[in-house]
Amino acid sequence: MRLRGRALSRGVGVGEALVSTRPLSFFGGVDAKTGVVVERGHPRRGACGKGRVLVFPSGKGSTVGSWVLYELSMRGLAPAAIVNVEADPVVAVGCIVARIPLVDKLDLNPVESIRTGWLVRVAAEGREGLVEVLS
């Protein structure tokens, strides 16, 4: 499966998908020292995003979330890429400064089209993004 969308942060990332039907807050929702989702009640609580392709509707919460994404990158705990239904400014800025590929506005809803555990490649060049399911 190939999905085309809008590239917001350039780069290429490959990893196992971690899909959430709920928005994710990086400030308070993800531990910056471990990369683990810690938000109470979140369906992915306890999962680690390190090296994975995170697929979720959008970000939520404080602008400090951008800093958390950067810190995850500096610690070697960043996701390989992020795919959103529609990215919010916090996730977009965080991905840009942390050099994490980010794609949104795909031709199909990625939350409904991609499954946790699938191997996914995200390529974001210029304004065009491509999300490919490899397995």
N, C-alpha and C. Protein backbone atom coordinates (compact mmCIF):
# COMPACT_ATOMS: atom_id res chain seq x y z
N MET A 1 0.85 -1.17 0.00
CA MET A 1 0.00 0.00 0.00
C MET A 1 0.89 1.24 0.00
N ARG A 2 0.51 2.23 -0.81
CA ARG A 2 1.22 3.51 -0.88
C ARG A 2 0.21 4.62 -0.66
N LEU A 3 0.54 5.50 0.28
CA LEU A 3 -0.31 6.65 0.57
C LEU A 3 0.49 7.91 0.30
N ARG A 4 -0.13 8.85 -0.39
CA ARG A 4 0.54 10.12 -0.68
C ARG A 4 -0.07 11.22 0.17
N GLY A 5 0.79 12.15 0.59
CA GLY A 5 0.32 13.24 1.43
C GLY A 5 1.25 14.43 1.37
N ARG A 6 1.15 15.26 2.39
CA ARG A 6 1.93 16.49 2.49
C ARG A 6 3.13 16.26 3.41
N ALA A 7 4.31 16.62 2.93
CA ALA A 7 5.52 16.54 3.75
C ALA A 7 5.68 17.83 4.54
N LEU A 8 5.85 17.70 5.84
CA LEU A 8 6.05 18.87 6.69
C LEU A 8 7.46 18.94 7.27
N SER A 9 8.10 17.80 7.43
CA SER A 9 9.48 17.74 7.89
C SER A 9 10.18 16.70 7.05
N ARG A 10 11.26 17.10 6.40
CA ARG A 10 11.93 16.25 5.41
C ARG A 10 12.70 15.10 6.03
N GLY A 11 12.87 14.08 5.20
CA GLY A 11 13.67 12.94 5.59
C GLY A 11 13.00 11.64 5.23
N VAL A 12 13.71 10.55 5.54
CA VAL A 12 13.19 9.21 5.30
C VAL A 12 13.32 8.43 6.60
N GLY A 13 12.27 7.73 6.95
CA GLY A 13 12.29 6.89 8.14
C GLY A 13 11.60 5.57 7.87
N VAL A 14 12.17 4.51 8.42
CA VAL A 14 11.60 3.17 8.28
C VAL A 14 11.51 2.56 9.66
N GLY A 15 10.37 1.96 9.95
CA GLY A 15 10.21 1.31 11.25
C GLY A 15 8.88 0.62 11.37
N GLU A 16 8.73 -0.08 12.47
CA GLU A 16 7.48 -0.74 12.79
C GLU A 16 6.46 0.31 13.21
N ALA A 17 5.26 0.21 12.68
CA ALA A 17 4.21 1.19 12.99
C ALA A 17 3.70 1.01 14.41
N LEU A 18 3.44 2.13 15.06
CA LEU A 18 2.74 2.17 16.34
C LEU A 18 1.57 3.12 16.12
N VAL A 19 0.37 2.56 16.02
CA VAL A 19 -0.82 3.32 15.63
C VAL A 19 -1.69 3.59 16.84
N SER A 20 -2.18 4.83 16.93
CA SER A 20 -3.12 5.21 17.98
C SER A 20 -4.31 5.93 17.35
N THR A 21 -5.49 5.61 17.81
CA THR A 21 -6.69 6.29 17.34
C THR A 21 -6.90 7.61 18.07
N ARG A 22 -6.10 7.85 19.12
CA ARG A 22 -6.24 9.08 19.89
C ARG A 22 -5.04 9.99 19.71
N PRO A 23 -5.27 11.33 19.80
CA PRO A 23 -4.15 12.27 19.74
C PRO A 23 -3.13 11.99 20.83
N LEU A 24 -1.92 12.48 20.62
CA LEU A 24 -0.82 12.25 21.55
C LEU A 24 -0.20 13.57 21.96
N SER A 25 0.03 13.71 23.26
CA SER A 25 0.74 14.87 23.79
C SER A 25 2.17 14.45 24.11
N PHE A 26 3.14 15.14 23.57
CA PHE A 26 4.52 14.80 23.88
C PHE A 26 4.94 15.39 25.22
N PHE A 27 4.33 16.48 25.65
CA PHE A 27 4.64 17.05 26.96
C PHE A 27 3.69 16.45 27.98
N GLY A 28 4.22 15.59 28.83
CA GLY A 28 3.40 14.94 29.84
C GLY A 28 2.82 13.62 29.38
N GLY A 29 2.80 13.39 28.09
CA GLY A 29 2.24 12.14 27.56
C GLY A 29 3.30 11.14 27.14
N VAL A 30 4.54 11.64 26.94
CA VAL A 30 5.66 10.79 26.55
C VAL A 30 6.83 11.13 27.46
N ASP A 31 7.45 10.13 28.05
CA ASP A 31 8.60 10.34 28.92
C ASP A 31 9.81 10.66 28.05
N ALA A 32 10.35 11.87 28.22
CA ALA A 32 11.47 12.34 27.39
C ALA A 32 12.76 11.56 27.66
N LYS A 33 12.83 10.85 28.78
CA LYS A 33 14.05 10.10 29.11
C LYS A 33 14.01 8.65 28.65
N THR A 34 12.80 8.18 28.26
CA THR A 34 12.68 6.78 27.85
C THR A 34 11.99 6.61 26.49
N GLY A 35 11.21 7.61 26.07
CA GLY A 35 10.44 7.50 24.84
C GLY A 35 9.15 6.71 24.99
N VAL A 36 8.78 6.40 26.22
CA VAL A 36 7.59 5.59 26.49
C VAL A 36 6.37 6.49 26.69
N VAL A 37 5.23 6.08 26.13
CA VAL A 37 3.97 6.79 26.34
C VAL A 37 3.54 6.57 27.78
N VAL A 38 3.33 7.66 28.52
CA VAL A 38 2.99 7.57 29.95
C VAL A 38 1.64 8.21 30.28
N GLU A 39 0.97 8.76 29.29
CA GLU A 39 -0.30 9.44 29.53
C GLU A 39 -1.35 8.47 30.08
N ARG A 40 -1.94 8.84 31.21
CA ARG A 40 -2.98 8.00 31.81
C ARG A 40 -4.16 7.85 30.87
N GLY A 41 -4.63 6.63 30.72
CA GLY A 41 -5.79 6.37 29.90
C GLY A 41 -5.53 6.30 28.40
N HIS A 42 -4.30 6.58 27.99
CA HIS A 42 -3.99 6.52 26.56
C HIS A 42 -3.89 5.06 26.14
N PRO A 43 -4.48 4.70 24.99
CA PRO A 43 -4.45 3.30 24.56
C PRO A 43 -3.05 2.75 24.30
N ARG A 44 -2.07 3.60 24.09
CA ARG A 44 -0.70 3.15 23.84
C ARG A 44 0.22 3.36 25.05
N ARG A 45 -0.36 3.60 26.21
CA ARG A 45 0.44 3.76 27.43
C ARG A 45 1.33 2.52 27.61
N GLY A 46 2.60 2.78 27.89
CA GLY A 46 3.57 1.71 28.08
C GLY A 46 4.35 1.35 26.83
N ALA A 47 3.91 1.82 25.68
CA ALA A 47 4.61 1.53 24.42
C ALA A 47 5.74 2.53 24.20
N CYS A 48 6.83 2.07 23.64
CA CYS A 48 7.97 2.94 23.34
C CYS A 48 7.97 3.28 21.85
N GLY A 49 8.18 4.56 21.56
CA GLY A 49 8.18 5.02 20.17
C GLY A 49 9.54 5.03 19.51
N LYS A 50 10.58 4.68 20.25
CA LYS A 50 11.94 4.72 19.70
C LYS A 50 12.05 3.89 18.42
N GLY A 51 12.48 4.54 17.33
CA GLY A 51 12.72 3.86 16.07
C GLY A 51 11.48 3.39 15.34
N ARG A 52 10.31 3.76 15.84
CA ARG A 52 9.06 3.32 15.23
C ARG A 52 8.45 4.45 14.41
N VAL A 53 7.51 4.10 13.55
CA VAL A 53 6.73 5.10 12.82
C VAL A 53 5.45 5.31 13.62
N LEU A 54 5.34 6.49 14.23
CA LEU A 54 4.16 6.80 15.03
C LEU A 54 3.06 7.30 14.11
N VAL A 55 1.88 6.70 14.22
CA VAL A 55 0.73 7.07 13.40
C VAL A 55 -0.40 7.43 14.36
N PHE A 56 -0.84 8.69 14.32
CA PHE A 56 -1.91 9.14 15.21
C PHE A 56 -2.60 10.34 14.57
N PRO A 57 -3.82 10.66 15.03
CA PRO A 57 -4.58 11.72 14.36
C PRO A 57 -3.88 13.07 14.35
N SER A 58 -3.44 13.54 15.51
CA SER A 58 -2.77 14.83 15.64
C SER A 58 -2.16 14.91 17.02
N GLY A 59 -1.34 15.93 17.21
CA GLY A 59 -0.81 16.16 18.54
C GLY A 59 -1.81 16.94 19.37
N LYS A 60 -1.49 17.08 20.64
CA LYS A 60 -2.31 17.89 21.54
C LYS A 60 -1.41 18.38 22.66
N GLY A 61 -1.87 19.42 23.34
CA GLY A 61 -1.15 19.87 24.53
C GLY A 61 -0.20 21.02 24.29
N SER A 62 0.68 21.17 25.26
CA SER A 62 1.59 22.31 25.38
C SER A 62 2.61 22.39 24.25
N THR A 63 3.03 23.62 24.00
CA THR A 63 4.10 23.85 23.02
C THR A 63 5.42 23.24 23.47
N VAL A 64 5.53 22.88 24.73
CA VAL A 64 6.75 22.21 25.21
C VAL A 64 6.92 20.85 24.53
N GLY A 65 5.84 20.33 23.96
CA GLY A 65 5.92 19.07 23.22
C GLY A 65 6.96 19.10 22.12
N SER A 66 7.16 20.26 21.50
CA SER A 66 8.20 20.40 20.47
C SER A 66 9.58 20.12 21.06
N TRP A 67 9.81 20.65 22.25
CA TRP A 67 11.09 20.45 22.93
C TRP A 67 11.27 18.97 23.29
N VAL A 68 10.19 18.31 23.71
CA VAL A 68 10.27 16.88 24.06
C VAL A 68 10.70 16.07 22.84
N LEU A 69 10.14 16.36 21.67
CA LEU A 69 10.56 15.66 20.45
C LEU A 69 12.05 15.88 20.18
N TYR A 70 12.51 17.11 20.37
CA TYR A 70 13.92 17.42 20.17
C TYR A 70 14.78 16.65 21.18
N GLU A 71 14.34 16.63 22.44
CA GLU A 71 15.09 15.91 23.48
C GLU A 71 15.15 14.41 23.18
N LEU A 72 14.03 13.85 22.73
CA LEU A 72 14.03 12.43 22.35
C LEU A 72 15.07 12.17 21.26
N SER A 73 15.16 13.08 20.30
CA SER A 73 16.13 12.95 19.22
C SER A 73 17.56 13.00 19.75
N MET A 74 17.83 13.94 20.64
CA MET A 74 19.18 14.09 21.20
C MET A 74 19.58 12.88 22.04
N ARG A 75 18.63 12.19 22.62
CA ARG A 75 18.90 11.02 23.45
C ARG A 75 18.89 9.71 22.64
N GLY A 76 18.64 9.81 21.33
CA GLY A 76 18.58 8.61 20.51
C GLY A 76 17.30 7.81 20.71
N LEU A 77 16.24 8.48 21.15
CA LEU A 77 14.97 7.82 21.46
C LEU A 77 13.83 8.26 20.56
N ALA A 78 14.14 8.99 19.51
CA ALA A 78 13.10 9.55 18.64
C ALA A 78 12.44 8.48 17.78
N PRO A 79 11.20 8.74 17.39
CA PRO A 79 10.58 7.85 16.40
C PRO A 79 11.31 7.98 15.06
N ALA A 80 11.20 6.95 14.23
CA ALA A 80 11.80 6.99 12.89
C ALA A 80 11.08 8.00 12.01
N ALA A 81 9.78 8.17 12.24
CA ALA A 81 8.95 9.12 11.49
C ALA A 81 7.62 9.26 12.20
N ILE A 82 6.87 10.29 11.82
CA ILE A 82 5.52 10.50 12.34
C ILE A 82 4.58 10.71 11.16
N VAL A 83 3.42 10.07 11.25
CA VAL A 83 2.37 10.21 10.25
C VAL A 83 1.11 10.64 10.99
N ASN A 84 0.54 11.77 10.60
CA ASN A 84 -0.68 12.29 11.22
C ASN A 84 -1.80 12.40 10.20
N VAL A 85 -3.03 12.35 10.70
CA VAL A 85 -4.17 12.70 9.85
C VAL A 85 -4.02 14.16 9.48
N GLU A 86 -3.86 15.02 10.50
CA GLU A 86 -3.55 16.44 10.28
C GLU A 86 -2.65 16.90 11.42
N ALA A 87 -1.42 17.23 11.08
CA ALA A 87 -0.43 17.62 12.08
C ALA A 87 -0.78 18.97 12.68
N ASP A 88 -0.48 19.11 13.97
CA ASP A 88 -0.64 20.40 14.63
C ASP A 88 0.72 21.10 14.66
N PRO A 89 0.76 22.41 14.95
CA PRO A 89 2.02 23.14 14.94
C PRO A 89 3.06 22.60 15.92
N VAL A 90 2.65 22.09 17.06
CA VAL A 90 3.60 21.59 18.06
C VAL A 90 4.37 20.39 17.51
N VAL A 91 3.67 19.44 16.95
CA VAL A 91 4.34 18.27 16.37
C VAL A 91 5.17 18.67 15.15
N ALA A 92 4.65 19.56 14.32
CA ALA A 92 5.38 19.99 13.13
C ALA A 92 6.71 20.65 13.49
N VAL A 93 6.68 21.59 14.41
CA VAL A 93 7.91 22.27 14.82
C VAL A 93 8.87 21.29 15.48
N GLY A 94 8.35 20.43 16.34
CA GLY A 94 9.20 19.44 17.00
C GLY A 94 9.89 18.53 16.00
N CYS A 95 9.17 18.09 14.99
CA CYS A 95 9.76 17.22 13.97
C CYS A 95 10.82 17.96 13.15
N ILE A 96 10.55 19.20 12.84
CA ILE A 96 11.52 19.98 12.05
C ILE A 96 12.82 20.15 12.81
N VAL A 97 12.75 20.58 14.07
CA VAL A 97 13.99 20.81 14.83
C VAL A 97 14.69 19.50 15.19
N ALA A 98 13.92 18.42 15.34
CA ALA A 98 14.51 17.12 15.69
C ALA A 98 14.87 16.30 14.45
N ARG A 99 14.55 16.82 13.27
CA ARG A 99 14.83 16.13 12.00
C ARG A 99 14.15 14.76 11.93
N ILE A 100 12.87 14.76 12.31
CA ILE A 100 12.04 13.56 12.23
C ILE A 100 11.11 13.74 11.03
N PRO A 101 11.11 12.84 10.06
CA PRO A 101 10.19 12.97 8.93
C PRO A 101 8.73 13.01 9.41
N LEU A 102 7.94 13.93 8.84
CA LEU A 102 6.54 14.09 9.21
C LEU A 102 5.70 14.26 7.95
N VAL A 103 4.66 13.44 7.83
CA VAL A 103 3.74 13.51 6.70
C VAL A 103 2.31 13.53 7.25
N ASP A 104 1.46 14.36 6.63
CA ASP A 104 0.04 14.37 6.99
C ASP A 104 -0.82 14.54 5.74
N LYS A 105 -2.12 14.67 5.95
CA LYS A 105 -3.10 14.88 4.87
C LYS A 105 -2.94 13.85 3.74
N LEU A 106 -2.92 12.59 4.13
CA LEU A 106 -2.78 11.50 3.16
C LEU A 106 -4.09 11.25 2.42
N ASP A 107 -3.99 10.55 1.29
CA ASP A 107 -5.19 10.29 0.50
C ASP A 107 -6.14 9.30 1.17
N LEU A 108 -5.67 8.53 2.15
CA LEU A 108 -6.51 7.69 3.00
C LEU A 108 -6.14 7.97 4.45
N ASN A 109 -7.07 7.77 5.36
CA ASN A 109 -6.80 7.99 6.78
C ASN A 109 -5.77 6.96 7.25
N PRO A 110 -4.57 7.40 7.65
CA PRO A 110 -3.54 6.44 8.03
C PRO A 110 -3.87 5.67 9.30
N VAL A 111 -4.64 6.27 10.20
CA VAL A 111 -5.03 5.60 11.44
C VAL A 111 -5.91 4.38 11.13
N GLU A 112 -6.71 4.49 10.08
CA GLU A 112 -7.59 3.39 9.69
C GLU A 112 -6.92 2.44 8.70
N SER A 113 -5.88 2.89 8.02
CA SER A 113 -5.27 2.10 6.93
C SER A 113 -4.02 1.34 7.34
N ILE A 114 -3.35 1.79 8.39
CA ILE A 114 -2.08 1.18 8.83
C ILE A 114 -2.32 0.49 10.17
N ARG A 115 -1.69 -0.65 10.36
CA ARG A 115 -1.84 -1.42 11.60
C ARG A 115 -0.53 -1.44 12.38
N THR A 116 -0.67 -1.42 13.70
CA THR A 116 0.49 -1.56 14.57
C THR A 116 1.22 -2.85 14.22
N GLY A 117 2.54 -2.73 14.13
CA GLY A 117 3.38 -3.88 13.82
C GLY A 117 3.80 -3.99 12.37
N TRP A 118 3.09 -3.30 11.48
CA TRP A 118 3.48 -3.32 10.07
C TRP A 118 4.78 -2.54 9.89
N LEU A 119 5.61 -2.97 8.98
CA LEU A 119 6.82 -2.24 8.63
C LEU A 119 6.44 -1.15 7.64
N VAL A 120 6.80 0.09 7.98
CA VAL A 120 6.38 1.25 7.19
C VAL A 120 7.59 2.11 6.84
N ARG A 121 7.59 2.63 5.63
CA ARG A 121 8.62 3.59 5.18
C ARG A 121 7.95 4.92 4.91
N VAL A 122 8.51 5.99 5.46
CA VAL A 122 8.00 7.34 5.26
C VAL A 122 9.09 8.15 4.56
N ALA A 123 8.74 8.75 3.43
CA ALA A 123 9.67 9.61 2.69
C ALA A 123 9.02 10.97 2.52
N ALA A 124 9.68 11.99 3.03
CA ALA A 124 9.17 13.36 2.96
C ALA A 124 10.21 14.22 2.27
N GLU A 125 9.93 14.60 1.04
CA GLU A 125 10.85 15.43 0.26
C GLU A 125 10.07 16.59 -0.32
N GLY A 126 10.60 17.78 -0.19
CA GLY A 126 9.89 18.96 -0.70
C GLY A 126 8.53 19.06 -0.03
N ARG A 127 7.48 19.16 -0.83
CA ARG A 127 6.13 19.25 -0.29
C ARG A 127 5.39 17.92 -0.32
N GLU A 128 6.00 16.91 -0.93
CA GLU A 128 5.31 15.63 -1.11
C GLU A 128 5.81 14.59 -0.13
N GLY A 129 4.84 13.87 0.44
CA GLY A 129 5.17 12.79 1.35
C GLY A 129 4.63 11.48 0.82
N LEU A 130 5.36 10.41 1.07
CA LEU A 130 4.95 9.08 0.65
C LEU A 130 5.08 8.15 1.84
N VAL A 131 4.01 7.43 2.13
CA VAL A 131 4.01 6.43 3.19
C VAL A 131 3.76 5.08 2.53
N GLU A 132 4.72 4.16 2.69
CA GLU A 132 4.61 2.84 2.07
C GLU A 132 4.60 1.76 3.14
N VAL A 133 3.64 0.85 3.04
CA VAL A 133 3.62 -0.32 3.90
C VAL A 133 4.49 -1.37 3.22
N LEU A 134 5.55 -1.79 3.91
CA LEU A 134 6.50 -2.75 3.35
C LEU A 134 6.14 -4.19 3.72
N SER A 135 5.48 -4.36 4.84
CA SER A 135 5.03 -5.71 5.25
C SER A 135 3.86 -5.62 6.20
